[in-house]
Amino acid sequence: MPNTFRTLFLLCALCWAGVIFYLSHLPGADIPPLFYGEDKLLHAFVFGILGLFTLGAMKTTPDGYRPFQPWLAVILVTVYGVLDEFHQHFVPGRTPDIFDVIADAVGGMLGVWLLYRFIKARLRTPS
C-alpha cells in the first residue's frame, strides 16, 4: 500500500481511537437497549473499524501483509479495548466489562480480516 494511504489509515486510526475514548468518557446513561447484546454488537463494530485502520497503517510487501502483521493489529486493538474498559472504571455510571473486551477483540479481528482479504484479492487480480 502506498505511503499516502498508510498515512491516511494511521490518521484515521488515531482519530477513531480518540472518538472511542471520547465516547467511553461520557457518563453512563439509563437508555434501555433495543435488543439483547446491542452494546456488544456496537463494541464489535466500532473496534472492527479500528482494526481495519490499524492494519491499513502497516507497511505491506509486494505479496501483501507479512503473517505477523494482522496478529499485531488484533493485539493492538485488543490492548486498546482493555485500556478503554480500565478507563471506564473511573467514569461515573460506567463499569468495565470483560465481555466488552471480548467483543472488542472479535470486532478487531473481523476488521483486520476484511482488509487482509481485500488486499489479498487485489494482489491476485491482474492489473
Protein backbone atom coordinates (compact mmCIF):
# COMPACT_ATOMS: atom_id res chain seq x y z
CA MET A 1 0.00 0.00 0.00
CA PRO A 2 1.45 3.43 -0.90
CA ASN A 3 2.77 5.66 1.89
CA THR A 4 -0.06 8.16 1.33
CA PHE A 5 -2.68 5.52 2.11
CA ARG A 6 -0.73 4.25 5.10
CA THR A 7 -0.52 7.77 6.49
CA LEU A 8 -4.23 8.27 5.91
CA PHE A 9 -5.02 4.97 7.66
CA LEU A 10 -2.76 5.96 10.56
CA LEU A 11 -4.50 9.32 10.95
CA CYS A 12 -7.90 7.59 10.75
CA ALA A 13 -6.84 5.04 13.38
CA LEU A 14 -5.65 7.76 15.75
CA CYS A 15 -8.79 9.86 15.22
CA TRP A 16 -11.03 6.81 15.63
CA ALA A 17 -9.22 5.86 18.86
CA GLY A 18 -9.90 9.41 20.03
CA VAL A 19 -13.60 9.05 19.19
CA ILE A 20 -13.71 5.79 21.17
CA PHE A 21 -12.02 7.48 24.14
CA TYR A 22 -14.45 10.41 23.97
CA LEU A 23 -17.50 8.14 23.81
CA SER A 24 -16.28 5.94 26.64
CA HIS A 25 -15.64 9.04 28.76
CA LEU A 26 -19.30 10.07 28.61
CA PRO A 27 -21.17 9.22 31.81
CA GLY A 28 -23.40 6.16 31.60
CA ALA A 29 -26.98 6.67 30.52
CA ASP A 30 -30.01 4.65 31.50
CA ILE A 31 -31.14 4.15 27.93
CA PRO A 32 -32.64 0.69 27.51
CA PRO A 33 -31.10 -1.34 24.67
CA LEU A 34 -33.15 -2.10 21.58
CA PHE A 35 -32.23 -5.79 21.84
CA TYR A 36 -30.14 -8.10 23.99
CA GLY A 37 -26.44 -7.79 23.19
CA GLU A 38 -26.80 -4.48 21.39
CA ASP A 39 -23.83 -2.98 23.26
CA LYS A 40 -21.60 -5.94 22.35
CA LEU A 41 -22.52 -5.60 18.69
CA LEU A 42 -21.71 -1.89 18.86
CA HIS A 43 -18.36 -2.65 20.52
CA ALA A 44 -17.52 -5.17 17.79
CA PHE A 45 -18.46 -2.72 15.03
CA VAL A 46 -16.50 0.20 16.47
CA PHE A 47 -13.39 -1.87 17.18
CA GLY A 48 -13.71 -3.58 13.79
CA ILE A 49 -13.24 -0.19 12.18
CA LEU A 50 -10.25 0.45 14.45
CA GLY A 51 -8.77 -2.92 13.43
CA LEU A 52 -9.17 -2.11 9.76
CA PHE A 53 -7.49 1.28 10.19
CA THR A 54 -4.69 -0.23 12.31
CA LEU A 55 -3.79 -2.88 9.75
CA GLY A 56 -4.07 -0.34 6.95
CA ALA A 57 -1.44 1.80 8.66
CA MET A 58 1.10 -1.03 8.41
CA LYS A 59 3.58 -1.37 5.58
CA THR A 60 2.87 -4.06 3.01
CA THR A 61 5.23 -6.10 0.87
CA PRO A 62 4.60 -6.81 -2.83
CA ASP A 63 2.88 -10.01 -1.62
CA GLY A 64 0.63 -8.21 0.86
CA TYR A 65 0.96 -8.20 4.62
CA ARG A 66 3.52 -10.27 6.45
CA PRO A 67 1.98 -13.09 8.53
CA PHE A 68 2.58 -11.36 11.87
CA GLN A 69 1.02 -8.02 10.88
CA PRO A 70 -2.67 -8.99 11.14
CA TRP A 71 -1.99 -10.55 14.53
CA LEU A 72 -0.13 -7.45 15.68
CA ALA A 73 -3.07 -5.28 14.60
CA VAL A 74 -5.51 -7.51 16.54
CA ILE A 75 -3.27 -7.39 19.62
CA LEU A 76 -3.03 -3.59 19.45
CA VAL A 77 -6.79 -3.22 19.10
CA THR A 78 -7.44 -5.66 21.95
CA VAL A 79 -4.99 -3.85 24.23
CA TYR A 80 -6.77 -0.60 23.42
CA GLY A 81 -10.05 -2.32 24.32
CA VAL A 82 -8.60 -3.39 27.68
CA LEU A 83 -7.37 0.15 28.33
CA ASP A 84 -10.77 1.52 27.32
CA GLU A 85 -12.51 -0.71 29.87
CA PHE A 86 -9.97 0.28 32.54
CA HIS A 87 -10.67 3.93 31.72
CA GLN A 88 -14.42 3.35 32.11
CA HIS A 89 -13.82 2.22 35.69
CA PHE A 90 -13.20 5.89 36.54
CA VAL A 91 -16.18 7.32 34.63
CA PRO A 92 -19.38 7.87 36.64
CA GLY A 93 -22.14 5.47 35.63
CA ARG A 94 -19.77 3.25 33.61
CA THR A 95 -18.37 -0.12 34.58
CA PRO A 96 -15.68 -2.24 32.96
CA ASP A 97 -16.89 -5.50 31.41
CA ILE A 98 -14.73 -8.41 30.23
CA PHE A 99 -17.37 -9.26 27.64
CA ASP A 100 -16.91 -5.80 26.12
CA VAL A 101 -13.20 -6.61 25.73
CA ILE A 102 -14.11 -9.89 24.04
CA ALA A 103 -16.47 -8.04 21.68
CA ASP A 104 -13.70 -5.50 21.00
CA ALA A 105 -11.24 -8.30 20.15
CA VAL A 106 -13.72 -10.12 17.91
CA GLY A 107 -14.62 -6.90 16.12
CA GLY A 108 -10.94 -6.03 15.70
CA MET A 109 -10.30 -9.48 14.22
CA LEU A 110 -13.16 -9.04 11.78
CA GLY A 111 -11.98 -5.60 10.64
CA VAL A 112 -8.41 -6.86 10.22
CA TRP A 113 -9.62 -9.93 8.33
CA LEU A 114 -11.74 -7.84 5.95
CA LEU A 115 -8.84 -5.58 4.96
CA TYR A 116 -6.42 -8.53 4.79
CA ARG A 117 -8.74 -10.42 2.41
CA PHE A 118 -9.36 -7.28 0.33
CA ILE A 119 -5.61 -6.70 -0.13
CA LYS A 120 -5.04 -10.39 -0.95
CA ALA A 121 -7.81 -10.31 -3.56
CA ARG A 122 -6.42 -7.11 -5.13
CA LEU A 123 -2.98 -8.69 -5.42
CA ARG A 124 -4.41 -11.73 -7.22
CA THR A 125 -6.30 -9.60 -9.74
CA PRO A 126 -4.20 -8.81 -12.83
CA SER A 127 -3.75 -5.09 -13.45
